[in-house]
């Protein structure tokens, strides 16, 4: 059931060249509304692979 999944909030630039910064520099512990210039969404945690770049 979808309600049993862990979800991860993501932000991504509106431009393919990445020149728009999302104005977030570190993880945020508590859920809150995002009001910056980027798109936002939620994805299942098991689909996320973290890497440094």
C-alpha atoms as a PDB file:
ATOM      1  CA  UNK A   1       0.000   0.000   0.000  1.00  0.00           C
ATOM      2  CA  UNK A   2       1.338   3.476  -0.935  1.00  0.00           C
ATOM      3  CA  UNK A   3       0.702   4.835   2.568  1.00  0.00           C
ATOM      4  CA  UNK A   4       3.265   2.391   4.003  1.00  0.00           C
ATOM      5  CA  UNK A   5       6.111   3.748   1.832  1.00  0.00           C
ATOM      6  CA  UNK A   6       8.804   6.188   2.937  1.00  0.00           C
ATOM      7  CA  UNK A   7       8.896   9.292   0.721  1.00  0.00           C
ATOM      8  CA  UNK A   8      11.669  11.778  -0.081  1.00  0.00           C
ATOM      9  CA  UNK A   9      10.986  15.402  -1.026  1.00  0.00           C
ATOM     10  CA  UNK A  10      12.981  16.574  -4.054  1.00  0.00           C
ATOM     11  CA  UNK A  11      13.705  19.925  -5.705  1.00  0.00           C
ATOM     12  CA  UNK A  12      14.910  20.305  -9.271  1.00  0.00           C
ATOM     13  CA  UNK A  13      15.854  23.181 -11.532  1.00  0.00           C
ATOM     14  CA  UNK A  14      13.394  24.386 -14.149  1.00  0.00           C
ATOM     15  CA  UNK A  15      16.249  24.685 -16.652  1.00  0.00           C
ATOM     16  CA  UNK A  16      18.197  21.819 -18.178  1.00  0.00           C
ATOM     17  CA  UNK A  17      21.494  23.739 -17.841  1.00  0.00           C
ATOM     18  CA  UNK A  18      21.030  23.905 -14.032  1.00  0.00           C
ATOM     19  CA  UNK A  19      21.616  27.659 -13.878  1.00  0.00           C
ATOM     20  CA  UNK A  20      18.690  28.220 -11.518  1.00  0.00           C
ATOM     21  CA  UNK A  21      19.664  27.488  -7.917  1.00  0.00           C
ATOM     22  CA  UNK A  22      16.974  26.075  -5.660  1.00  0.00           C
ATOM     23  CA  UNK A  23      18.128  28.235  -2.709  1.00  0.00           C
ATOM     24  CA  UNK A  24      18.432  25.277  -0.324  1.00  0.00           C
ATOM     25  CA  UNK A  25      21.914  24.424   0.935  1.00  0.00           C
ATOM     26  CA  UNK A  26      21.266  21.620   3.419  1.00  0.00           C
ATOM     27  CA  UNK A  27      18.654  19.007   4.342  1.00  0.00           C
ATOM     28  CA  UNK A  28      15.631  20.203   6.315  1.00  0.00           C
ATOM     29  CA  UNK A  29      14.620  17.952   9.221  1.00  0.00           C
ATOM     30  CA  UNK A  30      10.956  18.945   9.462  1.00  0.00           C
ATOM     31  CA  UNK A  31       8.478  18.990   6.599  1.00  0.00           C
ATOM     32  CA  UNK A  32       7.623  22.495   5.454  1.00  0.00           C
ATOM     33  CA  UNK A  33       6.420  24.314   2.354  1.00  0.00           C
ATOM     34  CA  UNK A  34       9.014  25.211  -0.278  1.00  0.00           C
ATOM     35  CA  UNK A  35       8.631  28.671  -1.810  1.00  0.00           C
ATOM     36  CA  UNK A  36      11.751  28.889  -3.986  1.00  0.00           C
ATOM     37  CA  UNK A  37      12.268  29.099  -7.760  1.00  0.00           C
ATOM     38  CA  UNK A  38      12.518  25.342  -8.480  1.00  0.00           C
ATOM     39  CA  UNK A  39       9.997  22.586  -9.109  1.00  0.00           C
ATOM     40  CA  UNK A  40       9.264  20.213  -6.238  1.00  0.00           C
ATOM     41  CA  UNK A  41       7.825  16.759  -5.758  1.00  0.00           C
ATOM     42  CA  UNK A  42       7.883  13.522  -3.797  1.00  0.00           C
ATOM     43  CA  UNK A  43       9.364  10.153  -4.802  1.00  0.00           C
ATOM     44  CA  UNK A  44       9.440   6.774  -3.047  1.00  0.00           C
ATOM     45  CA  UNK A  45      12.608   6.550  -0.913  1.00  0.00           C
ATOM     46  CA  UNK A  46      13.591   3.180  -2.437  1.00  0.00           C
ATOM     47  CA  UNK A  47      14.003   4.846  -5.856  1.00  0.00           C
ATOM     48  CA  UNK A  48      16.557   7.418  -4.621  1.00  0.00           C
ATOM     49  CA  UNK A  49      20.317   6.875  -4.947  1.00  0.00           C
ATOM     50  CA  UNK A  50      22.446   9.429  -3.090  1.00  0.00           C
ATOM     51  CA  UNK A  51      25.824  10.468  -4.482  1.00  0.00           C
ATOM     52  CA  UNK A  52      28.212  13.405  -4.178  1.00  0.00           C
ATOM     53  CA  UNK A  53      28.617  15.574  -7.220  1.00  0.00           C
END
